[in-house]
Amino acid sequence: VAAIRGDGITNYADSVKGRFTISRDNVKNTVYLQMNT
């Protein structure tokens, strides 16, 4: 669906582009996926 590199660069499947956002918190060791629409 989506990927994020250690430097924050992201990429997305075409089916979710513009609707989903992947992010990360390196302090909490957590990755997120915000899914809209």
PDB file of all heavy atoms in Angstrom:
ATOM      1  N   VAL A   1       0.834  -1.204   0.000  1.00  0.00           N
ATOM      2  CA  VAL A   1       0.000   0.000   0.000  1.00  0.00           C
ATOM      3  C   VAL A   1       0.867   1.252   0.000  1.00  0.00           C
ATOM      4  O   VAL A   1       0.653   2.170  -0.784  1.00  0.00           O
ATOM      5  CB  VAL A   1      -0.939  -0.002   1.226  1.00  0.00           C
ATOM      6  CG1 VAL A   1      -1.711   1.307   1.316  1.00  0.00           C
ATOM      7  CG2 VAL A   1      -1.886  -1.189   1.183  1.00  0.00           C
ATOM      8  N   ALA A   2       1.833   1.307   0.901  1.00  0.00           N
ATOM      9  CA  ALA A   2       2.670   2.503   1.035  1.00  0.00           C
ATOM     10  C   ALA A   2       3.950   2.124   1.752  1.00  0.00           C
ATOM     11  O   ALA A   2       3.984   1.162   2.526  1.00  0.00           O
ATOM     12  CB  ALA A   2       1.938   3.588   1.822  1.00  0.00           C
ATOM     13  N   ALA A   3       4.993   2.891   1.497  1.00  0.00           N
ATOM     14  CA  ALA A   3       6.270   2.647   2.142  1.00  0.00           C
ATOM     15  C   ALA A   3       6.931   3.972   2.462  1.00  0.00           C
ATOM     16  O   ALA A   3       6.693   4.980   1.788  1.00  0.00           O
ATOM     17  CB  ALA A   3       7.169   1.797   1.256  1.00  0.00           C
ATOM     18  N   ILE A   4       7.762   3.953   3.498  1.00  0.00           N
ATOM     19  CA  ILE A   4       8.500   5.154   3.883  1.00  0.00           C
ATOM     20  C   ILE A   4       9.916   4.735   4.232  1.00  0.00           C
ATOM     21  O   ILE A   4      10.143   3.793   4.999  1.00  0.00           O
ATOM     22  CB  ILE A   4       7.791   5.877   5.054  1.00  0.00           C
ATOM     23  CG1 ILE A   4       8.515   7.177   5.387  1.00  0.00           C
ATOM     24  CG2 ILE A   4       7.642   4.982   6.277  1.00  0.00           C
ATOM     25  CD1 ILE A   4       7.712   8.105   6.297  1.00  0.00           C
ATOM     26  N   ARG A   5      10.882   5.432   3.649  1.00  0.00           N
ATOM     27  CA  ARG A   5      12.279   5.141   3.931  1.00  0.00           C
ATOM     28  C   ARG A   5      12.690   5.767   5.251  1.00  0.00           C
ATOM     29  O   ARG A   5      11.973   6.562   5.826  1.00  0.00           O
ATOM     30  CB  ARG A   5      13.163   5.665   2.793  1.00  0.00           C
ATOM     31  CG  ARG A   5      12.900   4.987   1.494  1.00  0.00           C
ATOM     32  CD  ARG A   5      13.779   5.409   0.334  1.00  0.00           C
ATOM     33  NE  ARG A   5      14.636   6.555   0.530  1.00  0.00           N
ATOM     34  CZ  ARG A   5      15.360   7.082  -0.463  1.00  0.00           C
ATOM     35  NH1 ARG A   5      15.325   6.530  -1.674  1.00  0.00           N
ATOM     36  NH2 ARG A   5      16.128   8.137  -0.260  1.00  0.00           N
ATOM     37  N   GLY A   6      13.887   5.426   5.698  1.00  0.00           N
ATOM     38  CA  GLY A   6      14.389   6.011   6.926  1.00  0.00           C
ATOM     39  C   GLY A   6      14.553   7.516   6.823  1.00  0.00           C
ATOM     40  O   GLY A   6      14.421   8.246   7.819  1.00  0.00           O
ATOM     41  N   ASP A   7      14.799   8.022   5.605  1.00  0.00           N
ATOM     42  CA  ASP A   7      14.953   9.466   5.403  1.00  0.00           C
ATOM     43  C   ASP A   7      13.621  10.163   5.146  1.00  0.00           C
ATOM     44  O   ASP A   7      13.597  11.351   4.885  1.00  0.00           O
ATOM     45  CB  ASP A   7      15.925   9.750   4.257  1.00  0.00           C
ATOM     46  CG  ASP A   7      15.472   9.170   2.939  1.00  0.00           C
ATOM     47  OD1 ASP A   7      14.347   8.621   2.876  1.00  0.00           O
ATOM     48  OD2 ASP A   7      16.235   9.236   1.962  1.00  0.00           O
ATOM     49  N   GLY A   8      12.525   9.400   5.207  1.00  0.00           N
ATOM     50  CA  GLY A   8      11.204  10.002   5.081  1.00  0.00           C
ATOM     51  C   GLY A   8      10.610   9.996   3.680  1.00  0.00           C
ATOM     52  O   GLY A   8       9.462  10.408   3.501  1.00  0.00           O
ATOM     53  N   ILE A   9      11.371   9.532   2.701  1.00  0.00           N
ATOM     54  CA  ILE A   9      10.839   9.453   1.339  1.00  0.00           C
ATOM     55  C   ILE A   9       9.740   8.387   1.303  1.00  0.00           C
ATOM     56  O   ILE A   9       9.901   7.294   1.854  1.00  0.00           O
ATOM     57  CB  ILE A   9      11.939   9.093   0.331  1.00  0.00           C
ATOM     58  CG1 ILE A   9      13.045  10.155   0.365  1.00  0.00           C
ATOM     59  CG2 ILE A   9      11.372   8.954  -1.073  1.00  0.00           C
ATOM     60  CD1 ILE A   9      12.611  11.532  -0.073  1.00  0.00           C
ATOM     61  N   THR A  10       8.645   8.730   0.632  1.00  0.00           N
ATOM     62  CA  THR A  10       7.483   7.833   0.613  1.00  0.00           C
ATOM     63  C   THR A  10       7.129   7.408  -0.804  1.00  0.00           C
ATOM     64  O   THR A  10       7.480   8.081  -1.784  1.00  0.00           O
ATOM     65  CB  THR A  10       6.260   8.514   1.234  1.00  0.00           C
ATOM     66  OG1 THR A  10       5.973   9.711   0.490  1.00  0.00           O
ATOM     67  CG2 THR A  10       6.512   8.888   2.686  1.00  0.00           C
ATOM     68  N   ASN A  11       6.429   6.299  -0.899  1.00  0.00           N
ATOM     69  CA  ASN A  11       5.810   5.927  -2.168  1.00  0.00           C
ATOM     70  C   ASN A  11       4.518   5.181  -1.869  1.00  0.00           C
ATOM     71  O   ASN A  11       4.345   4.616  -0.786  1.00  0.00           O
ATOM     72  CB  ASN A  11       6.736   5.103  -3.061  1.00  0.00           C
ATOM     73  CG  ASN A  11       7.065   3.738  -2.507  1.00  0.00           C
ATOM     74  OD1 ASN A  11       7.912   3.603  -1.656  1.00  0.00           O
ATOM     75  ND2 ASN A  11       6.361   2.726  -2.986  1.00  0.00           N
ATOM     76  N   TYR A  12       3.606   5.229  -2.834  1.00  0.00           N
ATOM     77  CA  TYR A  12       2.255   4.718  -2.648  1.00  0.00           C
ATOM     78  C   TYR A  12       1.792   3.892  -3.843  1.00  0.00           C
ATOM     79  O   TYR A  12       2.192   4.149  -4.978  1.00  0.00           O
ATOM     80  CB  TYR A  12       1.265   5.887  -2.461  1.00  0.00           C
ATOM     81  CG  TYR A  12       1.543   6.744  -1.264  1.00  0.00           C
ATOM     82  CD1 TYR A  12       2.364   7.851  -1.350  1.00  0.00           C
ATOM     83  CD2 TYR A  12       0.987   6.428  -0.018  1.00  0.00           C
ATOM     84  CE1 TYR A  12       2.637   8.641  -0.241  1.00  0.00           C
ATOM     85  CE2 TYR A  12       1.241   7.207   1.090  1.00  0.00           C
ATOM     86  CZ  TYR A  12       2.071   8.309   0.977  1.00  0.00           C
ATOM     87  OH  TYR A  12       2.335   9.079   2.082  1.00  0.00           O
ATOM     88  N   ALA A  13       0.922   2.952  -3.553  1.00  0.00           N
ATOM     89  CA  ALA A  13       0.227   2.267  -4.634  1.00  0.00           C
ATOM     90  C   ALA A  13      -0.682   3.270  -5.329  1.00  0.00           C
ATOM     91  O   ALA A  13      -1.232   4.176  -4.693  1.00  0.00           O
ATOM     92  CB  ALA A  13      -0.594   1.106  -4.077  1.00  0.00           C
ATOM     93  N   ASP A  14      -0.857   3.103  -6.632  1.00  0.00           N
ATOM     94  CA  ASP A  14      -1.699   4.041  -7.380  1.00  0.00           C
ATOM     95  C   ASP A  14      -3.109   4.116  -6.814  1.00  0.00           C
ATOM     96  O   ASP A  14      -3.742   5.173  -6.826  1.00  0.00           O
ATOM     97  CB  ASP A  14      -1.759   3.620  -8.849  1.00  0.00           C
ATOM     98  CG  ASP A  14      -0.447   3.880  -9.584  1.00  0.00           C
ATOM     99  OD1 ASP A  14       0.377   4.657  -9.070  1.00  0.00           O
ATOM    100  OD2 ASP A  14      -0.258   3.303 -10.667  1.00  0.00           O
ATOM    101  N   SER A  15      -3.587   3.010  -6.290  1.00  0.00           N
ATOM    102  CA  SER A  15      -4.970   2.949  -5.811  1.00  0.00           C
ATOM    103  C   SER A  15      -5.224   3.796  -4.574  1.00  0.00           C
ATOM    104  O   SER A  15      -6.378   4.095  -4.250  1.00  0.00           O
ATOM    105  CB  SER A  15      -5.359   1.502  -5.518  1.00  0.00           C
ATOM    106  OG  SER A  15      -4.487   0.944  -4.546  1.00  0.00           O
ATOM    107  N   VAL A  16      -4.154   4.208  -3.876  1.00  0.00           N
ATOM    108  CA  VAL A  16      -4.343   4.973  -2.637  1.00  0.00           C
ATOM    109  C   VAL A  16      -3.705   6.358  -2.695  1.00  0.00           C
ATOM    110  O   VAL A  16      -3.843   7.141  -1.758  1.00  0.00           O
ATOM    111  CB  VAL A  16      -3.794   4.206  -1.409  1.00  0.00           C
ATOM    112  CG1 VAL A  16      -4.397   2.814  -1.339  1.00  0.00           C
ATOM    113  CG2 VAL A  16      -2.283   4.152  -1.408  1.00  0.00           C
ATOM    114  N   LYS A  17      -3.036   6.669  -3.789  1.00  0.00           N
ATOM    115  CA  LYS A  17      -2.394   7.983  -3.909  1.00  0.00           C
ATOM    116  C   LYS A  17      -3.401   9.100  -3.741  1.00  0.00           C
ATOM    117  O   LYS A  17      -4.494   9.058  -4.306  1.00  0.00           O
ATOM    118  CB  LYS A  17      -1.701   8.113  -5.271  1.00  0.00           C
ATOM    119  CG  LYS A  17      -0.334   7.477  -5.342  1.00  0.00           C
ATOM    120  CD  LYS A  17       0.295   7.666  -6.719  1.00  0.00           C
ATOM    121  CE  LYS A  17       1.640   6.957  -6.786  1.00  0.00           C
ATOM    122  NZ  LYS A  17       2.224   7.034  -8.150  1.00  0.00           N
ATOM    123  N   GLY A  18      -3.023  10.086  -2.949  1.00  0.00           N
ATOM    124  CA  GLY A  18      -3.907  11.218  -2.708  1.00  0.00           C
ATOM    125  C   GLY A  18      -4.928  10.987  -1.601  1.00  0.00           C
ATOM    126  O   GLY A  18      -5.595  11.936  -1.174  1.00  0.00           O
ATOM    127  N   ARG A  19      -5.050   9.733  -1.145  1.00  0.00           N
ATOM    128  CA  ARG A  19      -6.008   9.439  -0.076  1.00  0.00           C
ATOM    129  C   ARG A  19      -5.325   8.957   1.201  1.00  0.00           C
ATOM    130  O   ARG A  19      -5.801   9.242   2.299  1.00  0.00           O
ATOM    131  CB  ARG A  19      -7.002   8.358  -0.541  1.00  0.00           C
ATOM    132  CG  ARG A  19      -7.820   8.735  -1.756  1.00  0.00           C
ATOM    133  CD  ARG A  19      -8.905   7.706  -2.031  1.00  0.00           C
ATOM    134  NE  ARG A  19      -8.356   6.374  -2.327  1.00  0.00           N
ATOM    135  CZ  ARG A  19      -8.661   5.276  -1.617  1.00  0.00           C
ATOM    136  NH1 ARG A  19      -9.461   5.345  -0.574  1.00  0.00           N
ATOM    137  NH2 ARG A  19      -8.136   4.105  -1.961  1.00  0.00           N
ATOM    138  N   PHE A  20      -4.242   8.242   1.049  1.00  0.00           N
ATOM    139  CA  PHE A  20      -3.523   7.672   2.198  1.00  0.00           C
ATOM    140  C   PHE A  20      -2.197   8.418   2.392  1.00  0.00           C
ATOM    141  O   PHE A  20      -1.563   8.835   1.424  1.00  0.00           O
ATOM    142  CB  PHE A  20      -3.209   6.198   1.983  1.00  0.00           C
ATOM    143  CG  PHE A  20      -4.397   5.268   2.018  1.00  0.00           C
ATOM    144  CD1 PHE A  20      -5.709   5.748   2.018  1.00  0.00           C
ATOM    145  CD2 PHE A  20      -4.199   3.899   2.050  1.00  0.00           C
ATOM    146  CE1 PHE A  20      -6.797   4.886   2.041  1.00  0.00           C
ATOM    147  CE2 PHE A  20      -5.264   3.018   2.080  1.00  0.00           C
ATOM    148  CZ  PHE A  20      -6.567   3.521   2.070  1.00  0.00           C
ATOM    149  N   THR A  21      -1.781   8.523   3.650  1.00  0.00           N
ATOM    150  CA  THR A  21      -0.495   9.135   3.974  1.00  0.00           C
ATOM    151  C   THR A  21       0.233   8.270   4.988  1.00  0.00           C
ATOM    152  O   THR A  21      -0.318   7.978   6.063  1.00  0.00           O
ATOM    153  CB  THR A  21      -0.677  10.547   4.547  1.00  0.00           C
ATOM    154  OG1 THR A  21      -1.389  11.359   3.612  1.00  0.00           O
ATOM    155  CG2 THR A  21       0.677  11.193   4.832  1.00  0.00           C
ATOM    156  N   ILE A  22       1.446   7.878   4.646  1.00  0.00           N
ATOM    157  CA  ILE A  22       2.271   7.115   5.577  1.00  0.00           C
ATOM    158  C   ILE A  22       3.229   8.073   6.263  1.00  0.00           C
ATOM    159  O   ILE A  22       3.737   9.011   5.644  1.00  0.00           O
ATOM    160  CB  ILE A  22       3.040   5.982   4.847  1.00  0.00           C
ATOM    161  CG1 ILE A  22       3.755   5.080   5.847  1.00  0.00           C
ATOM    162  CG2 ILE A  22       3.998   6.541   3.799  1.00  0.00           C
ATOM    163  CD1 ILE A  22       4.351   3.815   5.205  1.00  0.00           C
ATOM    164  N   SER A  23       3.436   7.857   7.543  1.00  0.00           N
ATOM    165  CA  SER A  23       4.363   8.702   8.299  1.00  0.00           C
ATOM    166  C   SER A  23       5.007   7.860   9.386  1.00  0.00           C
ATOM    167  O   SER A  23       4.597   6.722   9.632  1.00  0.00           O
ATOM    168  CB  SER A  23       3.639   9.909   8.903  1.00  0.00           C
ATOM    169  OG  SER A  23       2.630   9.483   9.814  1.00  0.00           O
ATOM    170  N   ARG A  24       5.995   8.431  10.034  1.00  0.00           N
ATOM    171  CA  ARG A  24       6.704   7.667  11.062  1.00  0.00           C
ATOM    172  C   ARG A  24       7.121   8.564  12.199  1.00  0.00           C
ATOM    173  O   ARG A  24       7.323   9.770  12.003  1.00  0.00           O
ATOM    174  CB  ARG A  24       7.930   6.978  10.461  1.00  0.00           C
ATOM    175  CG  ARG A  24       8.974   7.934   9.895  1.00  0.00           C
ATOM    176  CD  ARG A  24      10.044   7.166   9.098  1.00  0.00           C
ATOM    177  NE  ARG A  24      10.758   6.228   9.947  1.00  0.00           N
ATOM    178  CZ  ARG A  24      11.323   5.117   9.485  1.00  0.00           C
ATOM    179  NH1 ARG A  24      11.252   4.794   8.207  1.00  0.00           N
ATOM    180  NH2 ARG A  24      11.976   4.324  10.327  1.00  0.00           N
ATOM    181  N   ASP A  25       7.255   7.978  13.376  1.00  0.00           N
ATOM    182  CA  ASP A  25       7.750   8.673  14.557  1.00  0.00           C
ATOM    183  C   ASP A  25       8.924   7.843  15.069  1.00  0.00           C
ATOM    184  O   ASP A  25       8.730   6.767  15.652  1.00  0.00           O
ATOM    185  CB  ASP A  25       6.652   8.778  15.616  1.00  0.00           C
ATOM    186  CG  ASP A  25       7.090   9.568  16.836  1.00  0.00           C
ATOM    187  OD1 ASP A  25       8.292   9.581  17.163  1.00  0.00           O
ATOM    188  OD2 ASP A  25       6.221  10.182  17.481  1.00  0.00           O
ATOM    189  N   ASN A  26      10.125   8.337  14.827  1.00  0.00           N
ATOM    190  CA  ASN A  26      11.322   7.567  15.179  1.00  0.00           C
ATOM    191  C   ASN A  26      11.603   7.554  16.679  1.00  0.00           C
ATOM    192  O   ASN A  26      12.445   6.784  17.138  1.00  0.00           O
ATOM    193  CB  ASN A  26      12.537   8.098  14.432  1.00  0.00           C
ATOM    194  CG  ASN A  26      12.480   7.782  12.953  1.00  0.00           C
ATOM    195  OD1 ASN A  26      11.767   6.872  12.528  1.00  0.00           O
ATOM    196  ND2 ASN A  26      13.222   8.541  12.163  1.00  0.00           N
ATOM    197  N   VAL A  27      10.918   8.397  17.428  1.00  0.00           N
ATOM    198  CA  VAL A  27      11.050   8.366  18.887  1.00  0.00           C
ATOM    199  C   VAL A  27      10.173   7.254  19.466  1.00  0.00           C
ATOM    200  O   VAL A  27      10.578   6.524  20.356  1.00  0.00           O
ATOM    201  CB  VAL A  27      10.670   9.723  19.498  1.00  0.00           C
ATOM    202  CG1 VAL A  27      10.669   9.656  21.027  1.00  0.00           C
ATOM    203  CG2 VAL A  27      11.628  10.812  19.016  1.00  0.00           C
ATOM    204  N   LYS A  28       8.988   7.137  18.905  1.00  0.00           N
ATOM    205  CA  LYS A  28       8.046   6.120  19.384  1.00  0.00           C
ATOM    206  C   LYS A  28       8.198   4.782  18.645  1.00  0.00           C
ATOM    207  O   LYS A  28       7.479   3.834  18.952  1.00  0.00           O
ATOM    208  CB  LYS A  28       6.608   6.623  19.229  1.00  0.00           C
ATOM    209  CG  LYS A  28       6.286   7.832  20.089  1.00  0.00           C
ATOM    210  CD  LYS A  28       4.825   8.241  19.927  1.00  0.00           C
ATOM    211  CE  LYS A  28       4.493   9.424  20.831  1.00  0.00           C
ATOM    212  NZ  LYS A  28       3.077   9.857  20.662  1.00  0.00           N
ATOM    213  N   ASN A  29       9.102   4.723  17.675  1.00  0.00           N
ATOM    214  CA  ASN A  29       9.264   3.505  16.871  1.00  0.00           C
ATOM    215  C   ASN A  29       7.933   3.043  16.284  1.00  0.00           C
ATOM    216  O   ASN A  29       7.579   1.853  16.324  1.00  0.00           O
ATOM    217  CB  ASN A  29       9.885   2.369  17.700  1.00  0.00           C
ATOM    218  CG  ASN A  29      11.370   2.556  17.930  1.00  0.00           C
ATOM    219  OD1 ASN A  29      11.923   3.609  17.642  1.00  0.00           O
ATOM    220  ND2 ASN A  29      12.020   1.547  18.477  1.00  0.00           N
ATOM    221  N   THR A  30       7.221   3.995  15.732  1.00  0.00           N
ATOM    222  CA  THR A  30       5.881   3.725  15.229  1.00  0.00           C
ATOM    223  C   THR A  30       5.722   4.285  13.824  1.00  0.00           C
ATOM    224  O   THR A  30       6.204   5.385  13.525  1.00  0.00           O
ATOM    225  CB  THR A  30       4.829   4.343  16.167  1.00  0.00           C
ATOM    226  OG1 THR A  30       4.960   3.750  17.477  1.00  0.00           O
ATOM    227  CG2 THR A  30       3.421   4.088  15.651  1.00  0.00           C
ATOM    228  N   VAL A  31       5.050   3.525  12.993  1.00  0.00           N
ATOM    229  CA  VAL A  31       4.699   3.998  11.662  1.00  0.00           C
ATOM    230  C   VAL A  31       3.177   4.081  11.580  1.00  0.00           C
ATOM    231  O   VAL A  31       2.469   3.261  12.179  1.00  0.00           O
ATOM    232  CB  VAL A  31       5.275   3.071  10.568  1.00  0.00           C
ATOM    233  CG1 VAL A  31       4.741   1.657  10.670  1.00  0.00           C
ATOM    234  CG2 VAL A  31       5.043   3.646   9.183  1.00  0.00           C
ATOM    235  N   TYR A  32       2.697   5.078  10.882  1.00  0.00           N
ATOM    236  CA  TYR A  32       1.260   5.351  10.795  1.00  0.00           C
ATOM    237  C   TYR A  32       0.787   5.274   9.352  1.00  0.00           C
ATOM    238  O   TYR A  32       1.572   5.456   8.410  1.00  0.00           O
ATOM    239  CB  TYR A  32       0.950   6.741  11.344  1.00  0.00           C
ATOM    240  CG  TYR A  32       1.408   6.971  12.755  1.00  0.00           C
ATOM    241  CD1 TYR A  32       2.612   7.621  13.016  1.00  0.00           C
ATOM    242  CD2 TYR A  32       0.649   6.527  13.837  1.00  0.00           C
ATOM    243  CE1 TYR A  32       3.040   7.834  14.319  1.00  0.00           C
ATOM    244  CE2 TYR A  32       1.077   6.731  15.134  1.00  0.00           C
ATOM    245  CZ  TYR A  32       2.263   7.384  15.371  1.00  0.00           C
ATOM    246  OH  TYR A  32       2.691   7.577  16.664  1.00  0.00           O
ATOM    247  N   LEU A  33      -0.503   5.042   9.207  1.00  0.00           N
ATOM    248  CA  LEU A  33      -1.137   5.147   7.897  1.00  0.00           C
ATOM    249  C   LEU A  33      -2.454   5.895   8.089  1.00  0.00           C
ATOM    250  O   LEU A  33      -3.405   5.365   8.670  1.00  0.00           O
ATOM    251  CB  LEU A  33      -1.387   3.766   7.282  1.00  0.00           C
ATOM    252  CG  LEU A  33      -1.913   3.794   5.851  1.00  0.00           C
ATOM    253  CD1 LEU A  33      -0.814   4.324   4.904  1.00  0.00           C
ATOM    254  CD2 LEU A  33      -2.368   2.414   5.395  1.00  0.00           C
ATOM    255  N   GLN A  34      -2.456   7.129   7.641  1.00  0.00           N
ATOM    256  CA  GLN A  34      -3.683   7.927   7.669  1.00  0.00           C
ATOM    257  C   GLN A  34      -4.454   7.629   6.397  1.00  0.00           C
ATOM    258  O   GLN A  34      -3.926   7.821   5.304  1.00  0.00           O
ATOM    259  CB  GLN A  34      -3.352   9.417   7.757  1.00  0.00           C
ATOM    260  CG  GLN A  34      -4.571  10.316   7.727  1.00  0.00           C
ATOM    261  CD  GLN A  34      -5.445  10.164   8.949  1.00  0.00           C
ATOM    262  OE1 GLN A  34      -4.949  10.098  10.064  1.00  0.00           O
ATOM    263  NE2 GLN A  34      -6.769  10.129   8.747  1.00  0.00           N
ATOM    264  N   MET A  35      -5.668   7.160   6.553  1.00  0.00           N
ATOM    265  CA  MET A  35      -6.485   6.757   5.412  1.00  0.00           C
ATOM    266  C   MET A  35      -7.718   7.642   5.362  1.00  0.00           C
ATOM    267  O   MET A  35      -8.544   7.622   6.279  1.00  0.00           O
ATOM    268  CB  MET A  35      -6.879   5.283   5.541  1.00  0.00           C
ATOM    269  CG  MET A  35      -5.699   4.349   5.744  1.00  0.00           C
ATOM    270  SD  MET A  35      -6.140   2.611   5.694  1.00  0.00           S
ATOM    271  CE  MET A  35      -7.233   2.510   7.108  1.00  0.00           C
ATOM    272  N   ASN A  36      -7.822   8.403   4.297  1.00  0.00           N
ATOM    273  CA  ASN A  36      -8.961   9.294   4.102  1.00  0.00           C
ATOM    274  C   ASN A  36      -9.755   8.868   2.883  1.00  0.00           C
ATOM    275  O   ASN A  36      -9.267   8.126   2.031  1.00  0.00           O
ATOM    276  CB  ASN A  36      -8.475  10.734   3.925  1.00  0.00           C
ATOM    277  CG  ASN A  36      -7.740  11.255   5.143  1.00  0.00           C
ATOM    278  OD1 ASN A  36      -8.029  10.871   6.277  1.00  0.00           O
ATOM    279  ND2 ASN A  36      -6.780  12.136   4.923  1.00  0.00           N
ATOM    280  N   THR A  37     -10.968   9.371   2.800  1.00  0.00           N
ATOM    281  CA  THR A  37     -11.845   9.082   1.665  1.00  0.00           C
ATOM    282  C   THR A  37     -11.868   7.581   1.378  1.00  0.00           C
ATOM    283  O   THR A  37     -11.646   7.125   0.239  1.00  0.00           O
ATOM    284  CB  THR A  37     -11.394   9.856   0.408  1.00  0.00           C
ATOM    285  OG1 THR A  37     -11.012  11.181   0.760  1.00  0.00           O
ATOM    286  CG2 THR A  37     -12.528   9.947  -0.613  1.00  0.00           C
TER     287      THR A  37
END
